[in-house]
C-alpha atoms as a PDB file:
ATOM      1  CA  MET A   1      62.496  22.801 -72.113  1.00  0.00           C
ATOM      2  CA  ILE A   2      59.328  24.030 -74.174  1.00  0.00           C
ATOM      3  CA  GLU A   3      59.557  26.755 -76.503  1.00  0.00           C
ATOM      4  CA  TYR A   4      56.796  29.208 -77.567  1.00  0.00           C
ATOM      5  CA  ARG A   5      55.699  30.108 -81.372  1.00  0.00           C
ATOM      6  CA  ILE A   6      53.523  31.890 -83.000  1.00  0.00           C
ATOM      7  CA  ALA A   7      51.420  29.128 -85.725  1.00  0.00           C
ATOM      8  CA  THR A   8      51.783  30.171 -89.514  1.00  0.00           C
ATOM      9  CA  SER A   9      50.029  28.504 -92.713  1.00  0.00           C
ATOM     10  CA  SER A  10      52.459  25.875 -93.017  1.00  0.00           C
ATOM     11  CA  ASP A  11      51.391  24.697 -89.773  1.00  0.00           C
ATOM     12  CA  ALA A  12      48.010  23.933 -90.575  1.00  0.00           C
ATOM     13  CA  GLU A  13      47.988  20.244 -90.656  1.00  0.00           C
ATOM     14  CA  ILE A  14      49.443  20.076 -87.434  1.00  0.00           C
ATOM     15  CA  LEU A  15      47.010  22.326 -86.023  1.00  0.00           C
ATOM     16  CA  ALA A  16      44.262  20.264 -87.420  1.00  0.00           C
ATOM     17  CA  ASN A  17      45.554  17.224 -86.300  1.00  0.00           C
ATOM     18  CA  ILE A  18      46.062  18.362 -82.746  1.00  0.00           C
ATOM     19  CA  ARG A  19      41.994  19.811 -83.075  1.00  0.00           C
ATOM     20  CA  VAL A  20      41.083  16.051 -83.938  1.00  0.00           C
ATOM     21  CA  ASP A  21      43.009  14.734 -80.979  1.00  0.00           C
ATOM     22  CA  PHE A  22      41.601  16.996 -78.610  1.00  0.00           C
ATOM     23  CA  LEU A  23      37.903  16.426 -80.401  1.00  0.00           C
ATOM     24  CA  CYS A  24      38.460  13.005 -79.342  1.00  0.00           C
ATOM     25  CA  GLU A  25      39.152  13.511 -75.657  1.00  0.00           C
ATOM     26  CA  ALA A  26      36.945  15.852 -74.973  1.00  0.00           C
ATOM     27  CA  ASN A  27      33.936  14.543 -76.759  1.00  0.00           C
ATOM     28  CA  ASN A  28      34.529  11.112 -76.993  1.00  0.00           C
ATOM     29  CA  VAL A  29      35.293  10.850 -80.905  1.00  0.00           C
ATOM     30  CA  ARG A  30      35.859   7.165 -81.805  1.00  0.00           C
ATOM     31  CA  ASP A  31      34.262   6.549 -85.451  1.00  0.00           C
ATOM     32  CA  GLU A  32      37.645   6.536 -88.204  1.00  0.00           C
ATOM     33  CA  GLU A  33      35.110   8.612 -90.952  1.00  0.00           C
ATOM     34  CA  GLU A  34      34.461  11.411 -87.752  1.00  0.00           C
ATOM     35  CA  LYS A  35      37.668  11.551 -87.528  1.00  0.00           C
ATOM     36  CA  GLU A  36      38.969  12.271 -90.987  1.00  0.00           C
ATOM     37  CA  LYS A  37      35.838  14.183 -91.671  1.00  0.00           C
ATOM     38  CA  LEU A  38      36.907  16.987 -89.051  1.00  0.00           C
ATOM     39  CA  PHE A  39      40.381  16.641 -89.799  1.00  0.00           C
ATOM     40  CA  THR A  40      39.945  17.553 -93.309  1.00  0.00           C
ATOM     41  CA  ASN A  41      37.219  20.530 -92.385  1.00  0.00           C
ATOM     42  CA  ASN A  42      39.902  21.657 -89.715  1.00  0.00           C
ATOM     43  CA  LYS A  43      42.956  21.537 -92.221  1.00  0.00           C
ATOM     44  CA  GLN A  44      41.188  24.108 -94.829  1.00  0.00           C
ATOM     45  CA  PHE A  45      39.603  25.881 -91.720  1.00  0.00           C
ATOM     46  CA  MET A  46      43.590  26.246 -90.615  1.00  0.00           C
ATOM     47  CA  ILE A  47      44.286  27.361 -94.011  1.00  0.00           C
ATOM     48  CA  ASP A  48      42.080  30.169 -94.491  1.00  0.00           C
ATOM     49  CA  ALA A  49      41.774  31.473 -90.878  1.00  0.00           C
ATOM     50  CA  LEU A  50      45.587  32.142 -90.742  1.00  0.00           C
ATOM     51  CA  SER A  51      45.698  33.486 -93.982  1.00  0.00           C
ATOM     52  CA  THR A  52      43.233  36.209 -93.010  1.00  0.00           C
ATOM     53  CA  GLU A  53      44.488  36.451 -89.597  1.00  0.00           C
ATOM     54  CA  SER A  54      40.943  35.803 -88.015  1.00  0.00           C
ATOM     55  CA  PHE A  55      42.591  33.111 -86.011  1.00  0.00           C
ATOM     56  CA  VAL A  56      45.709  33.486 -84.131  1.00  0.00           C
ATOM     57  CA  ALA A  57      47.648  30.074 -82.552  1.00  0.00           C
ATOM     58  CA  TRP A  58      50.673  29.175 -80.549  1.00  0.00           C
ATOM     59  CA  LEU A  59      52.086  25.948 -79.986  1.00  0.00           C
ATOM     60  CA  ALA A  60      54.102  24.811 -77.348  1.00  0.00           C
ATOM     61  CA  ILE A  61      57.291  22.671 -78.142  1.00  0.00           C
ATOM     62  CA  SER A  62      59.663  19.821 -76.907  1.00  0.00           C
ATOM     63  CA  GLY A  63      62.456  19.329 -78.383  1.00  0.00           C
ATOM     64  CA  THR A  64      60.524  17.823 -82.103  1.00  0.00           C
ATOM     65  CA  GLU A  65      57.221  16.978 -79.879  1.00  0.00           C
ATOM     66  CA  ILE A  66      54.144  19.645 -80.122  1.00  0.00           C
ATOM     67  CA  ALA A  67      53.024  19.528 -76.333  1.00  0.00           C
ATOM     68  CA  ALA A  68      50.231  22.130 -76.652  1.00  0.00           C
ATOM     69  CA  THR A  69      48.686  24.581 -78.600  1.00  0.00           C
ATOM     70  CA  SER A  70      46.541  27.255 -77.990  1.00  0.00           C
ATOM     71  CA  GLY A  71      43.962  29.418 -80.652  1.00  0.00           C
ATOM     72  CA  ILE A  72      41.727  32.331 -80.677  1.00  0.00           C
ATOM     73  CA  SER A  73      39.314  33.383 -83.278  1.00  0.00           C
ATOM     74  CA  PHE A  74      38.630  37.480 -84.197  1.00  0.00           C
ATOM     75  CA  TYR A  75      35.451  38.238 -85.008  1.00  0.00           C
ATOM     76  CA  LYS A  76      33.555  41.686 -84.765  1.00  0.00           C
ATOM     77  CA  LEU A  77      29.118  42.083 -83.506  1.00  0.00           C
ATOM     78  CA  PRO A  78      27.454  45.341 -83.149  1.00  0.00           C
ATOM     79  CA  PRO A  79      28.892  47.076 -80.390  1.00  0.00           C
ATOM     80  CA  ASN A  80      26.978  47.181 -77.395  1.00  0.00           C
ATOM     81  CA  LYS A  81      27.178  48.895 -73.747  1.00  0.00           C
ATOM     82  CA  ASN A  82      30.026  45.956 -72.484  1.00  0.00           C
ATOM     83  CA  CYS A  83      31.706  45.588 -75.436  1.00  0.00           C
ATOM     84  CA  PRO A  84      31.861  48.406 -76.717  1.00  0.00           C
ATOM     85  CA  SER A  85      34.287  48.472 -79.670  1.00  0.00           C
ATOM     86  CA  GLY A  86      32.444  44.721 -80.890  1.00  0.00           C
ATOM     87  CA  LYS A  87      35.223  43.275 -81.190  1.00  0.00           C
ATOM     88  CA  VAL A  88      35.126  39.444 -79.813  1.00  0.00           C
ATOM     89  CA  GLY A  89      37.702  36.554 -79.440  1.00  0.00           C
ATOM     90  CA  TYR A  90      36.886  32.990 -79.133  1.00  0.00           C
ATOM     91  CA  ILE A  91      39.063  31.389 -77.781  1.00  0.00           C
ATOM     92  CA  SER A  92      39.151  27.304 -78.766  1.00  0.00           C
ATOM     93  CA  ASN A  93      41.748  24.463 -79.395  1.00  0.00           C
ATOM     94  CA  MET A  94      43.547  24.896 -75.903  1.00  0.00           C
ATOM     95  CA  PHE A  95      44.724  21.412 -75.730  1.00  0.00           C
ATOM     96  CA  THR A  96      47.861  19.592 -74.321  1.00  0.00           C
ATOM     97  CA  TYR A  97      48.718  16.684 -74.183  1.00  0.00           C
ATOM     98  CA  PRO A  98      48.580  14.373 -71.356  1.00  0.00           C
ATOM     99  CA  GLU A  99      52.351  14.012 -70.683  1.00  0.00           C
ATOM    100  CA  TYR A 100      52.999  17.589 -70.611  1.00  0.00           C
ATOM    101  CA  ARG A 101      49.738  18.695 -68.491  1.00  0.00           C
ATOM    102  CA  LYS A 102      50.509  20.427 -64.772  1.00  0.00           C
ATOM    103  CA  GLN A 103      53.835  22.168 -65.709  1.00  0.00           C
ATOM    104  CA  GLY A 104      52.267  26.016 -66.530  1.00  0.00           C
ATOM    105  CA  ILE A 105      52.137  25.143 -70.536  1.00  0.00           C
ATOM    106  CA  ALA A 106      48.263  25.562 -70.740  1.00  0.00           C
ATOM    107  CA  SER A 107      48.840  28.891 -68.607  1.00  0.00           C
ATOM    108  CA  LYS A 108      51.421  30.004 -70.776  1.00  0.00           C
ATOM    109  CA  LEU A 109      49.843  29.645 -74.282  1.00  0.00           C
ATOM    110  CA  PHE A 110      46.596  31.543 -72.465  1.00  0.00           C
ATOM    111  CA  ARG A 111      48.385  34.533 -71.940  1.00  0.00           C
ATOM    112  CA  LEU A 112      49.763  34.439 -75.116  1.00  0.00           C
ATOM    113  CA  ILE A 113      46.670  34.241 -76.816  1.00  0.00           C
ATOM    114  CA  VAL A 114      44.906  37.026 -74.441  1.00  0.00           C
ATOM    115  CA  GLU A 115      47.763  39.410 -75.077  1.00  0.00           C
ATOM    116  CA  GLU A 116      47.288  39.041 -78.757  1.00  0.00           C
ATOM    117  CA  SER A 117      43.871  39.929 -78.385  1.00  0.00           C
ATOM    118  CA  LYS A 118      44.235  43.026 -76.382  1.00  0.00           C
ATOM    119  CA  LYS A 119      46.842  43.930 -78.916  1.00  0.00           C
ATOM    120  CA  ARG A 120      43.772  43.867 -81.824  1.00  0.00           C
ATOM    121  CA  GLY A 121      41.960  45.655 -79.269  1.00  0.00           C
ATOM    122  CA  HIS A 122      39.045  43.096 -78.193  1.00  0.00           C
ATOM    123  CA  THR A 123      37.407  43.765 -75.307  1.00  0.00           C
ATOM    124  CA  LYS A 124      35.527  40.857 -75.006  1.00  0.00           C
ATOM    125  CA  ILE A 125      36.663  37.101 -75.065  1.00  0.00           C
ATOM    126  CA  LEU A 126      34.491  33.964 -74.555  1.00  0.00           C
ATOM    127  CA  LEU A 127      35.604  30.010 -75.011  1.00  0.00           C
ATOM    128  CA  THR A 128      33.629  27.123 -74.083  1.00  0.00           C
ATOM    129  CA  ALA A 129      35.635  25.273 -70.612  1.00  0.00           C
ATOM    130  CA  THR A 130      36.272  21.795 -70.271  1.00  0.00           C
ATOM    131  CA  ASP A 131      36.343  20.830 -67.139  1.00  0.00           C
ATOM    132  CA  GLN A 132      40.241  20.603 -67.019  1.00  0.00           C
ATOM    133  CA  GLY A 133      40.423  23.876 -68.242  1.00  0.00           C
ATOM    134  CA  ARG A 134      38.004  25.682 -65.767  1.00  0.00           C
ATOM    135  CA  PRO A 135      40.228  26.386 -63.142  1.00  0.00           C
ATOM    136  CA  ILE A 136      43.081  28.201 -65.440  1.00  0.00           C
ATOM    137  CA  TYR A 137      40.000  30.915 -66.991  1.00  0.00           C
ATOM    138  CA  GLU A 138      38.898  31.211 -63.612  1.00  0.00           C
ATOM    139  CA  LYS A 139      42.470  32.299 -62.360  1.00  0.00           C
ATOM    140  CA  TYR A 140      42.675  34.578 -64.845  1.00  0.00           C
ATOM    141  CA  GLY A 141      39.239  36.177 -64.008  1.00  0.00           C
ATOM    142  CA  PHE A 142      36.738  34.317 -66.569  1.00  0.00           C
ATOM    143  CA  GLU A 143      33.330  34.199 -65.568  1.00  0.00           C
ATOM    144  CA  SER A 144      30.344  31.657 -66.279  1.00  0.00           C
ATOM    145  CA  LEU A 145      27.448  33.092 -68.234  1.00  0.00           C
ATOM    146  CA  LYS A 146      24.085  32.440 -67.586  1.00  0.00           C
ATOM    147  CA  ASN A 147      21.823  34.162 -70.510  1.00  0.00           C
ATOM    148  CA  ASP A 148      23.811  32.437 -73.860  1.00  0.00           C
ATOM    149  CA  MET A 149      21.768  29.902 -75.203  1.00  0.00           C
ATOM    150  CA  ILE A 150      22.784  27.548 -78.453  1.00  0.00           C
ATOM    151  CA  TYR A 151      20.696  26.183 -81.269  1.00  0.00           C
ATOM    152  CA  TYR A 152      22.023  24.090 -84.316  1.00  0.00           C
ATOM    153  CA  ILE A 153      20.514  24.194 -87.451  1.00  0.00           C
ATOM    154  CA  LYS A 154      20.076  20.616 -88.720  1.00  0.00           C
END
């Protein structure tokens, strides 16, 4: 049986480890030095963001094992027609370990973080979808964007 609970700051290390597992799978990260840097940076992010509630995560637990997680970061942008509150959520850290996939766990975690966003008055949610996650998000009503762009400062 899967139990669901909201993450606390004491879960920062667990969340950082899961994030690294996700990034290794999604982005084919294999370099141990890069993994360690990702872990350190993500652990500090989790400590800071969970304590300020600018990030909320849920855990799906099977016995003593973490089966999956979800997370959402909250921030504000200048209001506009499509987002009059300016409150935006960015979903990240959606990850289910392979042995727990196709059991509805990710869908449940997804609903939990979307509901958290609604409770906080957010009117816009963004995410970057993997091929595996895309069907869950589309089923929920998410649409692909055509005008977004990105630039990485080097």
